[in-house]
Structure formats: C-alpha cells, structure tokens
Amino acid sequence: MTDPTLSPIALLSSAIRRERERAGLSVTELAKRASVAKSTLSQLESGTGNPSLETLWALALALDVPVSRLISQPSQHVQVIRANEGAAAESEQANYAATLLAACPAGAPRDIYRVKVLPGEPRISRAHGPGTHEHVIICSGTARVGPVGRAVEVTVGDYVRYSADGPHEFEAVGGEVVAVMVIEQG
C-alpha cells in the first residue's frame, strides 16, 4: 500500500515507476512511446520533475492507463480536498490546470477533476481512447467547450457532455472559469 504521508510528487514518481514496470517497459522505451525526453522521465521517476498535464497524458496513453492512476492520492475513509489542494497538473499553456478529485477504482472508467481555466488561447486536448466522453459542469464563469469546430458556450450551472475521442477544446470566455469535469472512458 502507498504511504499517505508522501508528497504528491513522490506519489507520482512511485506510480509512474509502478506502471512502467507493470507494463514491462524500460525508461527508454516508455520515453519513446510517450514522445518525452528520457531525462524528463528519469527526473519524474526520481521525484525531481514537475510534469505538465500534456506529459502526464502522454505517459498515461503510452502506459494504457487513465491519467488518474498516475496522480491519485491513496484512498481514505473520508477524503476532503480543499479548493487549493490536491494533485494538480498545469498545462504547458499557463491558463489551464486540472486537479484530480476522485480516481475511480481499477475497472471503473470515470475520474473526476476540478478544472481552472484563465482567459487566453483555447486548451486543445488530443483525442483520448475510443468511446471516451467528458462531462463538464460550469461552477463559475463562461466557457467554450467541446469537440474542435463544434464547441458550445456554457455558463454557471450548465452541463455539457461531448465525445473526447477526437481533439477537443476548453476556453475561458471573458474571465476565469472553474468547472467540474468527469472523464468517462469508453
């Protein structure tokens, strides 16, 4: 069992190594499959790196696991994640960050995130696995969300569901947006 007193980066480091070894991959092979520098992966496994959201997604896809398996905290009987706490991952685009709120157990195809998006360029995400959908509830602000070319504008209290197995976008319109996102894998 994972030590719950470990820092988020130590938990991430342990999870990446665990999943890489489970998949029977060397550091070199995983780095190649994920299109990340071997030095970046080595830093992450040693607990000294600070990965972008894109790097985490690339590693998860290369390992064929949900990104939540890499960043989730150990399970507790009662879990509270305060507004500025949790395993947050910022995008290479400085205006987008996602915090894992609940990783579903193995075999359950859903993860829950709190997303904070600042005005700026739209966050374009690569396709997730076949049949993946994202569910978004806007808590504050107004956003354009959905498949590239078919995104819709949503505001406080609105819910949107869209296919995420193709490129999709999330853009803050006019001000900061906070949302809850559920990623449902197909």
N, C-alpha and C. Protein backbone atom coordinates (compact mmCIF):
# COMPACT_ATOMS: atom_id res chain seq x y z
N MET A 1 0.84 -1.18 0.00
CA MET A 1 0.00 0.00 0.00
C MET A 1 0.88 1.24 0.00
N THR A 2 0.43 2.29 -0.65
CA THR A 2 1.17 3.54 -0.75
C THR A 2 1.11 4.29 0.57
N ASP A 3 2.23 4.92 0.93
CA ASP A 3 2.31 5.71 2.16
C ASP A 3 1.57 7.03 1.96
N PRO A 4 0.47 7.30 2.70
CA PRO A 4 -0.31 8.51 2.51
C PRO A 4 0.42 9.78 2.96
N THR A 5 1.57 9.63 3.63
CA THR A 5 2.31 10.82 4.05
C THR A 5 3.27 11.31 2.97
N LEU A 6 3.39 10.61 1.87
CA LEU A 6 4.29 11.03 0.79
C LEU A 6 3.74 12.27 0.10
N SER A 7 4.65 13.09 -0.42
CA SER A 7 4.26 14.29 -1.16
C SER A 7 3.62 13.89 -2.48
N PRO A 8 2.85 14.80 -3.11
CA PRO A 8 2.25 14.48 -4.41
C PRO A 8 3.29 14.06 -5.46
N ILE A 9 4.46 14.71 -5.49
CA ILE A 9 5.48 14.34 -6.48
C ILE A 9 6.05 12.96 -6.17
N ALA A 10 6.19 12.62 -4.89
CA ALA A 10 6.68 11.28 -4.53
C ALA A 10 5.66 10.22 -4.91
N LEU A 11 4.38 10.52 -4.73
CA LEU A 11 3.33 9.58 -5.14
C LEU A 11 3.34 9.40 -6.64
N LEU A 12 3.49 10.51 -7.39
CA LEU A 12 3.56 10.45 -8.84
C LEU A 12 4.76 9.63 -9.29
N SER A 13 5.91 9.89 -8.69
CA SER A 13 7.13 9.16 -9.02
C SER A 13 6.93 7.65 -8.84
N SER A 14 6.37 7.28 -7.72
CA SER A 14 6.12 5.88 -7.42
C SER A 14 5.13 5.27 -8.41
N ALA A 15 4.09 6.02 -8.75
CA ALA A 15 3.06 5.50 -9.67
C ALA A 15 3.62 5.29 -11.08
N ILE A 16 4.41 6.24 -11.55
CA ILE A 16 4.98 6.09 -12.90
C ILE A 16 5.87 4.87 -12.96
N ARG A 17 6.75 4.72 -11.97
CA ARG A 17 7.64 3.56 -11.93
C ARG A 17 6.84 2.26 -11.85
N ARG A 18 5.82 2.24 -10.97
CA ARG A 18 4.99 1.04 -10.80
C ARG A 18 4.32 0.65 -12.11
N GLU A 19 3.72 1.62 -12.80
CA GLU A 19 3.01 1.32 -14.05
C GLU A 19 3.96 0.97 -15.18
N ARG A 20 5.14 1.60 -15.21
CA ARG A 20 6.13 1.27 -16.24
C ARG A 20 6.61 -0.17 -16.06
N GLU A 21 6.90 -0.52 -14.81
CA GLU A 21 7.35 -1.89 -14.52
C GLU A 21 6.24 -2.90 -14.79
N ARG A 22 5.01 -2.55 -14.43
CA ARG A 22 3.87 -3.43 -14.70
C ARG A 22 3.75 -3.71 -16.20
N ALA A 23 4.02 -2.68 -17.01
CA ALA A 23 3.93 -2.83 -18.46
C ALA A 23 5.16 -3.49 -19.06
N GLY A 24 6.19 -3.72 -18.23
CA GLY A 24 7.40 -4.37 -18.71
C GLY A 24 8.23 -3.49 -19.63
N LEU A 25 8.21 -2.17 -19.38
CA LEU A 25 8.92 -1.23 -20.24
C LEU A 25 10.14 -0.66 -19.53
N SER A 26 11.18 -0.41 -20.29
CA SER A 26 12.34 0.31 -19.76
C SER A 26 12.01 1.80 -19.78
N VAL A 27 12.82 2.58 -19.09
CA VAL A 27 12.66 4.03 -19.11
C VAL A 27 12.78 4.54 -20.54
N THR A 28 13.76 4.02 -21.27
CA THR A 28 13.97 4.43 -22.66
C THR A 28 12.75 4.14 -23.52
N GLU A 29 12.20 2.94 -23.39
CA GLU A 29 11.05 2.55 -24.21
C GLU A 29 9.81 3.37 -23.88
N LEU A 30 9.55 3.60 -22.59
CA LEU A 30 8.39 4.42 -22.23
C LEU A 30 8.56 5.84 -22.73
N ALA A 31 9.75 6.41 -22.57
CA ALA A 31 10.00 7.77 -23.05
C ALA A 31 9.74 7.85 -24.56
N LYS A 32 10.19 6.87 -25.29
CA LYS A 32 9.99 6.83 -26.75
C LYS A 32 8.50 6.75 -27.08
N ARG A 33 7.78 5.84 -26.43
CA ARG A 33 6.34 5.67 -26.71
C ARG A 33 5.53 6.91 -26.36
N ALA A 34 5.96 7.62 -25.31
CA ALA A 34 5.22 8.80 -24.86
C ALA A 34 5.71 10.08 -25.55
N SER A 35 6.77 9.97 -26.34
CA SER A 35 7.38 11.14 -27.00
C SER A 35 7.81 12.20 -25.99
N VAL A 36 8.42 11.73 -24.90
CA VAL A 36 9.00 12.65 -23.92
C VAL A 36 10.49 12.32 -23.80
N ALA A 37 11.25 13.28 -23.40
CA ALA A 37 12.69 13.07 -23.24
C ALA A 37 12.95 12.04 -22.14
N LYS A 38 13.93 11.18 -22.37
CA LYS A 38 14.29 10.18 -21.36
C LYS A 38 14.70 10.88 -20.07
N SER A 39 15.38 12.01 -20.18
CA SER A 39 15.80 12.75 -18.98
C SER A 39 14.59 13.25 -18.19
N THR A 40 13.53 13.66 -18.89
CA THR A 40 12.30 14.10 -18.23
C THR A 40 11.68 12.95 -17.45
N LEU A 41 11.59 11.79 -18.09
CA LEU A 41 11.02 10.62 -17.43
C LEU A 41 11.88 10.20 -16.24
N SER A 42 13.19 10.23 -16.40
CA SER A 42 14.09 9.88 -15.29
C SER A 42 13.89 10.83 -14.11
N GLN A 43 13.75 12.13 -14.39
CA GLN A 43 13.50 13.09 -13.32
C GLN A 43 12.18 12.80 -12.62
N LEU A 44 11.15 12.48 -13.39
CA LEU A 44 9.85 12.18 -12.79
C LEU A 44 9.94 10.95 -11.89
N GLU A 45 10.60 9.92 -12.37
CA GLU A 45 10.71 8.70 -11.57
C GLU A 45 11.57 8.90 -10.33
N SER A 46 12.50 9.86 -10.38
CA SER A 46 13.34 10.11 -9.21
C SER A 46 12.69 11.11 -8.25
N GLY A 47 11.53 11.65 -8.65
CA GLY A 47 10.82 12.58 -7.78
C GLY A 47 11.30 14.00 -7.84
N THR A 48 12.05 14.35 -8.90
CA THR A 48 12.57 15.71 -9.00
C THR A 48 11.92 16.50 -10.13
N GLY A 49 11.07 15.88 -10.93
CA GLY A 49 10.45 16.58 -12.06
C GLY A 49 9.16 17.26 -11.66
N ASN A 50 8.66 18.09 -12.56
CA ASN A 50 7.38 18.78 -12.37
C ASN A 50 6.67 18.71 -13.72
N PRO A 51 5.92 17.64 -13.97
CA PRO A 51 5.39 17.41 -15.32
C PRO A 51 4.22 18.33 -15.67
N SER A 52 4.11 18.61 -16.95
CA SER A 52 2.93 19.33 -17.46
C SER A 52 1.79 18.32 -17.60
N LEU A 53 0.60 18.84 -17.75
CA LEU A 53 -0.57 17.99 -17.98
C LEU A 53 -0.37 17.17 -19.25
N GLU A 54 0.22 17.79 -20.28
CA GLU A 54 0.46 17.08 -21.54
C GLU A 54 1.39 15.89 -21.34
N THR A 55 2.43 16.08 -20.53
CA THR A 55 3.36 14.98 -20.26
C THR A 55 2.65 13.85 -19.52
N LEU A 56 1.83 14.20 -18.53
CA LEU A 56 1.09 13.16 -17.80
C LEU A 56 0.17 12.38 -18.73
N TRP A 57 -0.56 13.09 -19.60
CA TRP A 57 -1.45 12.40 -20.53
C TRP A 57 -0.66 11.52 -21.50
N ALA A 58 0.47 12.01 -21.99
CA ALA A 58 1.29 11.22 -22.91
C ALA A 58 1.78 9.94 -22.23
N LEU A 59 2.23 10.05 -20.98
CA LEU A 59 2.68 8.87 -20.24
C LEU A 59 1.53 7.90 -20.01
N ALA A 60 0.38 8.42 -19.61
CA ALA A 60 -0.78 7.56 -19.36
C ALA A 60 -1.19 6.82 -20.64
N LEU A 61 -1.22 7.53 -21.76
CA LEU A 61 -1.59 6.88 -23.02
C LEU A 61 -0.57 5.80 -23.39
N ALA A 62 0.72 6.11 -23.22
CA ALA A 62 1.76 5.13 -23.54
C ALA A 62 1.70 3.92 -22.62
N LEU A 63 1.25 4.12 -21.38
CA LEU A 63 1.14 3.02 -20.42
C LEU A 63 -0.22 2.32 -20.49
N ASP A 64 -1.15 2.90 -21.27
CA ASP A 64 -2.51 2.38 -21.40
C ASP A 64 -3.23 2.33 -20.06
N VAL A 65 -3.11 3.45 -19.31
CA VAL A 65 -3.80 3.59 -18.03
C VAL A 65 -4.45 4.97 -18.00
N PRO A 66 -5.49 5.16 -17.20
CA PRO A 66 -6.04 6.51 -17.03
C PRO A 66 -5.02 7.38 -16.31
N VAL A 67 -4.97 8.65 -16.65
CA VAL A 67 -4.03 9.57 -16.01
C VAL A 67 -4.23 9.59 -14.50
N SER A 68 -5.44 9.33 -14.05
CA SER A 68 -5.71 9.33 -12.61
C SER A 68 -4.90 8.26 -11.88
N ARG A 69 -4.55 7.18 -12.56
CA ARG A 69 -3.76 6.14 -11.91
C ARG A 69 -2.36 6.65 -11.59
N LEU A 70 -1.93 7.69 -12.30
CA LEU A 70 -0.61 8.25 -12.05
C LEU A 70 -0.63 9.33 -10.97
N ILE A 71 -1.76 10.04 -10.81
CA ILE A 71 -1.76 11.19 -9.90
C ILE A 71 -2.71 11.06 -8.72
N SER A 72 -3.40 9.95 -8.59
CA SER A 72 -4.37 9.84 -7.49
C SER A 72 -3.67 9.65 -6.15
N GLN A 73 -4.31 10.17 -5.13
CA GLN A 73 -3.84 10.03 -3.76
C GLN A 73 -4.35 8.70 -3.20
N PRO A 74 -3.69 8.19 -2.16
CA PRO A 74 -4.17 6.96 -1.55
C PRO A 74 -5.61 7.13 -1.03
N SER A 75 -6.36 6.07 -1.07
CA SER A 75 -7.74 6.10 -0.62
C SER A 75 -7.81 6.29 0.89
N GLN A 76 -8.78 7.08 1.31
CA GLN A 76 -9.03 7.31 2.73
C GLN A 76 -10.51 7.09 2.98
N HIS A 77 -10.86 6.83 4.23
CA HIS A 77 -12.27 6.62 4.55
C HIS A 77 -13.08 7.88 4.26
N VAL A 78 -12.61 9.02 4.74
CA VAL A 78 -13.23 10.31 4.45
C VAL A 78 -12.15 11.16 3.80
N GLN A 79 -12.43 11.67 2.63
CA GLN A 79 -11.44 12.46 1.93
C GLN A 79 -12.00 13.84 1.64
N VAL A 80 -11.26 14.86 1.99
CA VAL A 80 -11.61 16.24 1.69
C VAL A 80 -10.45 16.83 0.92
N ILE A 81 -10.76 17.44 -0.20
CA ILE A 81 -9.74 18.16 -0.97
C ILE A 81 -10.18 19.61 -0.99
N ARG A 82 -9.45 20.45 -0.29
CA ARG A 82 -9.78 21.87 -0.21
C ARG A 82 -9.53 22.53 -1.56
N ALA A 83 -10.10 23.71 -1.73
CA ALA A 83 -10.07 24.41 -3.02
C ALA A 83 -8.68 24.57 -3.60
N ASN A 84 -7.66 24.78 -2.80
CA ASN A 84 -6.31 24.97 -3.32
C ASN A 84 -5.39 23.80 -3.03
N GLU A 85 -5.96 22.61 -2.82
CA GLU A 85 -5.18 21.42 -2.54
C GLU A 85 -5.46 20.38 -3.61
N GLY A 86 -4.75 19.27 -3.52
CA GLY A 86 -4.97 18.15 -4.42
C GLY A 86 -3.84 18.01 -5.42
N ALA A 87 -3.89 16.92 -6.15
CA ALA A 87 -2.88 16.62 -7.15
C ALA A 87 -3.19 17.40 -8.42
N ALA A 88 -2.69 18.62 -8.48
CA ALA A 88 -2.96 19.50 -9.61
C ALA A 88 -1.88 19.34 -10.67
N ALA A 89 -2.29 19.41 -11.90
CA ALA A 89 -1.35 19.39 -13.02
C ALA A 89 -1.68 20.56 -13.92
N GLU A 90 -0.68 21.39 -14.16
CA GLU A 90 -0.89 22.53 -15.04
C GLU A 90 -0.48 22.15 -16.44
N SER A 91 -1.16 22.76 -17.39
CA SER A 91 -0.86 22.55 -18.79
C SER A 91 0.39 23.33 -19.17
N GLU A 92 0.99 22.95 -20.30
CA GLU A 92 2.08 23.75 -20.84
C GLU A 92 1.56 25.14 -21.18
N GLN A 93 0.26 25.22 -21.49
CA GLN A 93 -0.41 26.51 -21.63
C GLN A 93 -0.70 26.96 -20.21
N ALA A 94 -0.18 28.07 -19.80
CA ALA A 94 -0.27 28.50 -18.41
C ALA A 94 -1.68 28.81 -17.94
N ASN A 95 -2.66 28.80 -18.83
CA ASN A 95 -4.01 29.21 -18.43
C ASN A 95 -4.93 28.03 -18.12
N TYR A 96 -4.42 26.81 -17.96
CA TYR A 96 -5.27 25.64 -17.76
C TYR A 96 -4.64 24.73 -16.70
N ALA A 97 -5.41 24.35 -15.69
CA ALA A 97 -4.94 23.42 -14.67
C ALA A 97 -6.08 22.49 -14.28
N ALA A 98 -5.76 21.23 -14.02
CA ALA A 98 -6.75 20.24 -13.61
C ALA A 98 -6.28 19.58 -12.32
N THR A 99 -7.20 19.43 -11.37
CA THR A 99 -6.92 18.79 -10.09
C THR A 99 -7.78 17.54 -9.99
N LEU A 100 -7.13 16.40 -9.81
CA LEU A 100 -7.87 15.15 -9.65
C LEU A 100 -8.58 15.19 -8.31
N LEU A 101 -9.90 15.01 -8.33
CA LEU A 101 -10.68 14.98 -7.10
C LEU A 101 -10.97 13.55 -6.68
N ALA A 102 -11.26 12.68 -7.63
CA ALA A 102 -11.56 11.28 -7.30
C ALA A 102 -11.18 10.39 -8.45
N ALA A 103 -10.28 9.47 -8.17
CA ALA A 103 -9.92 8.46 -9.14
C ALA A 103 -10.80 7.26 -8.86
N CYS A 104 -11.43 6.78 -9.87
CA CYS A 104 -12.28 5.61 -9.67
C CYS A 104 -11.41 4.37 -9.61
N PRO A 105 -11.86 3.36 -8.90
CA PRO A 105 -11.06 2.15 -8.75
C PRO A 105 -10.82 1.48 -10.10
N ALA A 106 -9.79 0.65 -10.15
CA ALA A 106 -9.48 -0.07 -11.39
C ALA A 106 -10.74 -0.74 -11.94
N GLY A 107 -10.93 -0.62 -13.21
CA GLY A 107 -12.10 -1.21 -13.86
C GLY A 107 -13.27 -0.25 -13.95
N ALA A 108 -13.31 0.78 -13.11
CA ALA A 108 -14.36 1.79 -13.19
C ALA A 108 -13.84 2.90 -14.09
N PRO A 109 -14.55 3.20 -15.15
CA PRO A 109 -13.99 4.06 -16.19
C PRO A 109 -14.25 5.56 -16.02
N ARG A 110 -14.24 6.08 -14.81
CA ARG A 110 -14.51 7.51 -14.61
C ARG A 110 -13.53 8.12 -13.62
N ASP A 111 -13.12 9.35 -13.89
CA ASP A 111 -12.32 10.14 -12.97
C ASP A 111 -12.95 11.53 -12.89
N ILE A 112 -12.80 12.18 -11.74
CA ILE A 112 -13.43 13.48 -11.51
C ILE A 112 -12.33 14.51 -11.26
N TYR A 113 -12.42 15.65 -11.95
CA TYR A 113 -11.44 16.72 -11.83
C TYR A 113 -12.11 18.05 -11.55
N ARG A 114 -11.39 18.93 -10.87
CA ARG A 114 -11.75 20.34 -10.79
C ARG A 114 -10.82 21.02 -11.79
N VAL A 115 -11.39 21.81 -12.69
CA VAL A 115 -10.63 22.46 -13.74
C VAL A 115 -10.69 23.97 -13.54
N LYS A 116 -9.54 24.61 -13.64
CA LYS A 116 -9.47 26.07 -13.55
C LYS A 116 -8.84 26.57 -14.85
N VAL A 117 -9.55 27.46 -15.55
CA VAL A 117 -9.09 27.94 -16.84
C VAL A 117 -9.12 29.46 -16.83
N LEU A 118 -8.01 30.06 -17.23
CA LEU A 118 -7.90 31.51 -17.33
C LEU A 118 -8.07 31.92 -18.79
N PRO A 119 -8.48 33.15 -19.04
CA PRO A 119 -8.61 33.61 -20.42
C PRO A 119 -7.27 33.47 -21.15
N GLY A 120 -7.35 33.22 -22.42
CA GLY A 120 -6.16 33.03 -23.24
C GLY A 120 -6.49 32.10 -24.38
N GLU A 121 -5.49 31.51 -24.93
CA GLU A 121 -5.69 30.57 -26.03
C GLU A 121 -6.54 29.38 -25.57
N PRO A 122 -7.40 28.85 -26.44
CA PRO A 122 -8.15 27.65 -26.07
C PRO A 122 -7.20 26.50 -25.76
N ARG A 123 -7.54 25.69 -24.80
CA ARG A 123 -6.79 24.47 -24.48
C ARG A 123 -7.28 23.39 -25.43
N ILE A 124 -6.44 22.98 -26.35
CA ILE A 124 -6.80 21.92 -27.30
C ILE A 124 -6.20 20.62 -26.77
N SER A 125 -7.06 19.65 -26.49
CA SER A 125 -6.62 18.35 -25.99
C SER A 125 -6.61 17.33 -27.10
N ARG A 126 -5.63 16.45 -27.06
CA ARG A 126 -5.57 15.36 -28.03
C ARG A 126 -6.69 14.37 -27.73
N ALA A 127 -6.98 13.54 -28.69
CA ALA A 127 -8.01 12.52 -28.53
C ALA A 127 -7.65 11.57 -27.39
N HIS A 128 -8.65 11.22 -26.58
CA HIS A 128 -8.49 10.18 -25.58
C HIS A 128 -8.85 8.86 -26.27
N GLY A 129 -8.94 7.79 -25.51
CA GLY A 129 -9.25 6.49 -26.10
C GLY A 129 -10.63 6.45 -26.75
N PRO A 130 -10.86 5.46 -27.62
CA PRO A 130 -12.15 5.33 -28.29
C PRO A 130 -13.30 5.27 -27.29
N GLY A 131 -14.38 5.98 -27.59
CA GLY A 131 -15.57 5.96 -26.76
C GLY A 131 -15.50 6.84 -25.52
N THR A 132 -14.43 7.62 -25.35
CA THR A 132 -14.30 8.48 -24.17
C THR A 132 -15.20 9.70 -24.30
N HIS A 133 -15.87 10.06 -23.20
CA HIS A 133 -16.69 11.26 -23.13
C HIS A 133 -16.23 12.11 -21.96
N GLU A 134 -16.39 13.42 -22.09
CA GLU A 134 -16.17 14.32 -20.98
C GLU A 134 -17.49 14.95 -20.61
N HIS A 135 -17.73 15.05 -19.31
CA HIS A 135 -18.92 15.70 -18.75
C HIS A 135 -18.41 16.92 -18.00
N VAL A 136 -18.96 18.09 -18.26
CA VAL A 136 -18.49 19.32 -17.63
C VAL A 136 -19.67 20.07 -17.03
N ILE A 137 -19.51 20.51 -15.78
CA ILE A 137 -20.47 21.39 -15.11
C ILE A 137 -19.71 22.66 -14.77
N ILE A 138 -20.22 23.79 -15.24
CA ILE A 138 -19.56 25.07 -15.02
C ILE A 138 -19.95 25.61 -13.63
N CYS A 139 -18.96 25.86 -12.79
CA CYS A 139 -19.19 26.39 -11.44
C CYS A 139 -19.09 27.91 -11.41
N SER A 140 -18.20 28.48 -12.21
CA SER A 140 -18.10 29.93 -12.32
C SER A 140 -17.54 30.29 -13.69
N GLY A 141 -18.01 31.41 -14.21
CA GLY A 141 -17.52 31.90 -15.49
C GLY A 141 -18.30 31.35 -16.67
N THR A 142 -17.78 31.65 -17.85
CA THR A 142 -18.36 31.20 -19.12
C THR A 142 -17.25 30.57 -19.95
N ALA A 143 -17.56 29.46 -20.60
CA ALA A 143 -16.55 28.73 -21.36
C ALA A 143 -17.10 28.26 -22.70
N ARG A 144 -16.18 28.02 -23.62
CA ARG A 144 -16.48 27.30 -24.86
C ARG A 144 -15.84 25.94 -24.70
N VAL A 145 -16.66 24.88 -24.82
CA VAL A 145 -16.21 23.53 -24.52
C VAL A 145 -16.76 22.56 -25.56
N GLY A 146 -15.95 21.59 -25.95
CA GLY A 146 -16.43 20.52 -26.82
C GLY A 146 -15.45 20.17 -27.91
N PRO A 147 -15.90 19.34 -28.84
CA PRO A 147 -15.03 18.95 -29.95
C PRO A 147 -14.60 20.17 -30.76
N VAL A 148 -13.35 20.17 -31.22
CA VAL A 148 -12.85 21.27 -32.03
C VAL A 148 -13.77 21.46 -33.23
N GLY A 149 -14.20 22.69 -33.43
CA GLY A 149 -15.11 23.02 -34.52
C GLY A 149 -16.58 22.90 -34.17
N ARG A 150 -16.88 22.28 -33.00
CA ARG A 150 -18.27 22.13 -32.57
C ARG A 150 -18.45 22.48 -31.10
N ALA A 151 -17.50 23.23 -30.54
CA ALA A 151 -17.59 23.62 -29.13
C ALA A 151 -18.80 24.52 -28.92
N VAL A 152 -19.36 24.46 -27.72
CA VAL A 152 -20.53 25.27 -27.37
C VAL A 152 -20.19 26.16 -26.19
N GLU A 153 -20.89 27.28 -26.08
CA GLU A 153 -20.69 28.19 -24.96
C GLU A 153 -21.61 27.78 -23.82
N VAL A 154 -21.02 27.66 -22.64
CA VAL A 154 -21.77 27.27 -21.44
C VAL A 154 -21.39 28.21 -20.31
N THR A 155 -22.31 28.37 -19.35
CA THR A 155 -22.08 29.30 -18.25
C THR A 155 -22.51 28.65 -16.93
N VAL A 156 -22.44 29.38 -15.85
CA VAL A 156 -22.68 28.87 -14.50
C VAL A 156 -23.93 27.99 -14.43
N GLY A 157 -23.73 26.77 -13.92
CA GLY A 157 -24.82 25.83 -13.76
C GLY A 157 -25.06 24.95 -14.97
N ASP A 158 -24.51 25.30 -16.13
CA ASP A 158 -24.72 24.50 -17.34
C ASP A 158 -23.91 23.21 -17.28
N TYR A 159 -24.44 22.19 -17.92
CA TYR A 159 -23.79 20.88 -18.06
C TYR A 159 -23.63 20.61 -19.54
N VAL A 160 -22.50 20.05 -19.93
CA VAL A 160 -22.28 19.65 -21.32
C VAL A 160 -21.56 18.30 -21.32
N ARG A 161 -21.94 17.45 -22.25
CA ARG A 161 -21.30 16.14 -22.46
C ARG A 161 -20.89 16.10 -23.91
N TYR A 162 -19.67 15.62 -24.17
CA TYR A 162 -19.20 15.56 -25.56
C TYR A 162 -18.20 14.42 -25.72
N SER A 163 -18.06 14.00 -26.96
CA SER A 163 -17.10 12.96 -27.29
C SER A 163 -15.70 13.53 -27.17
N ALA A 164 -14.83 12.81 -26.46
CA ALA A 164 -13.45 13.25 -26.28
C ALA A 164 -12.49 12.29 -26.97
N ASP A 165 -13.01 11.47 -27.89
CA ASP A 165 -12.12 10.56 -28.61
C ASP A 165 -11.62 11.19 -29.91
N GLY A 166 -11.77 12.50 -30.00
CA GLY A 166 -11.17 13.32 -31.05
C GLY A 166 -10.66 14.58 -30.38
N PRO A 167 -9.94 15.43 -31.11
CA PRO A 167 -9.45 16.67 -30.50
C PRO A 167 -10.61 17.49 -29.94
N HIS A 168 -10.42 18.07 -28.76
CA HIS A 168 -11.48 18.85 -28.12
C HIS A 168 -10.86 20.04 -27.39
N GLU A 169 -11.69 21.03 -27.10
CA GLU A 169 -11.17 22.28 -26.57
C GLU A 169 -11.92 22.75 -25.34
N PHE A 170 -11.24 23.61 -24.59
CA PHE A 170 -11.83 24.26 -23.42
C PHE A 170 -11.24 25.66 -23.39
N GLU A 171 -12.09 26.67 -23.44
CA GLU A 171 -11.62 28.05 -23.46
C GLU A 171 -12.44 28.89 -22.48
N ALA A 172 -11.76 29.67 -21.66
CA ALA A 172 -12.43 30.63 -20.79
C ALA A 172 -12.83 31.83 -21.64
N VAL A 173 -14.10 32.25 -21.51
CA VAL A 173 -14.62 33.36 -22.29
C VAL A 173 -14.81 34.55 -21.35
N GLY A 174 -13.94 35.53 -21.43
CA GLY A 174 -14.11 36.76 -20.67
C GLY A 174 -13.55 36.78 -19.27
N GLY A 175 -13.33 35.67 -18.63
CA GLY A 175 -12.81 35.65 -17.27
C GLY A 175 -12.49 34.23 -16.84
N GLU A 176 -12.01 34.10 -15.60
CA GLU A 176 -11.66 32.78 -15.07
C GLU A 176 -12.87 31.85 -15.04
N VAL A 177 -12.62 30.57 -15.34
CA VAL A 177 -13.66 29.55 -15.30
C VAL A 177 -13.22 28.46 -14.33
N VAL A 178 -14.13 28.04 -13.47
CA VAL A 178 -13.92 26.87 -12.63
C VAL A 178 -15.04 25.89 -12.99
N ALA A 179 -14.67 24.64 -13.20
CA ALA A 179 -15.63 23.63 -13.61
C ALA A 179 -15.29 22.29 -12.96
N VAL A 180 -16.26 21.43 -12.93
CA VAL A 180 -16.05 20.04 -12.54
C VAL A 180 -16.15 19.23 -13.82
N MET A 181 -15.16 18.37 -14.04
CA MET A 181 -15.11 17.55 -15.25
C MET A 181 -15.03 16.08 -14.86
N VAL A 182 -15.88 15.28 -15.48
CA VAL A 182 -15.80 13.83 -15.31
C VAL A 182 -15.36 13.27 -16.66
N ILE A 183 -14.27 12.50 -16.65
CA ILE A 183 -13.81 11.84 -17.86
C ILE A 183 -14.27 10.39 -17.77
N GLU A 184 -15.09 10.02 -18.72
CA GLU A 184 -15.68 8.67 -18.77
C GLU A 184 -15.05 7.93 -19.94
N GLN A 185 -14.27 6.93 -19.61
CA GLN A 185 -13.57 6.18 -20.67
C GLN A 185 -14.48 5.11 -21.24
N GLY A 186 -14.41 5.00 -22.57
CA GLY A 186 -15.26 4.05 -23.28
C GLY A 186 -14.84 2.63 -23.13
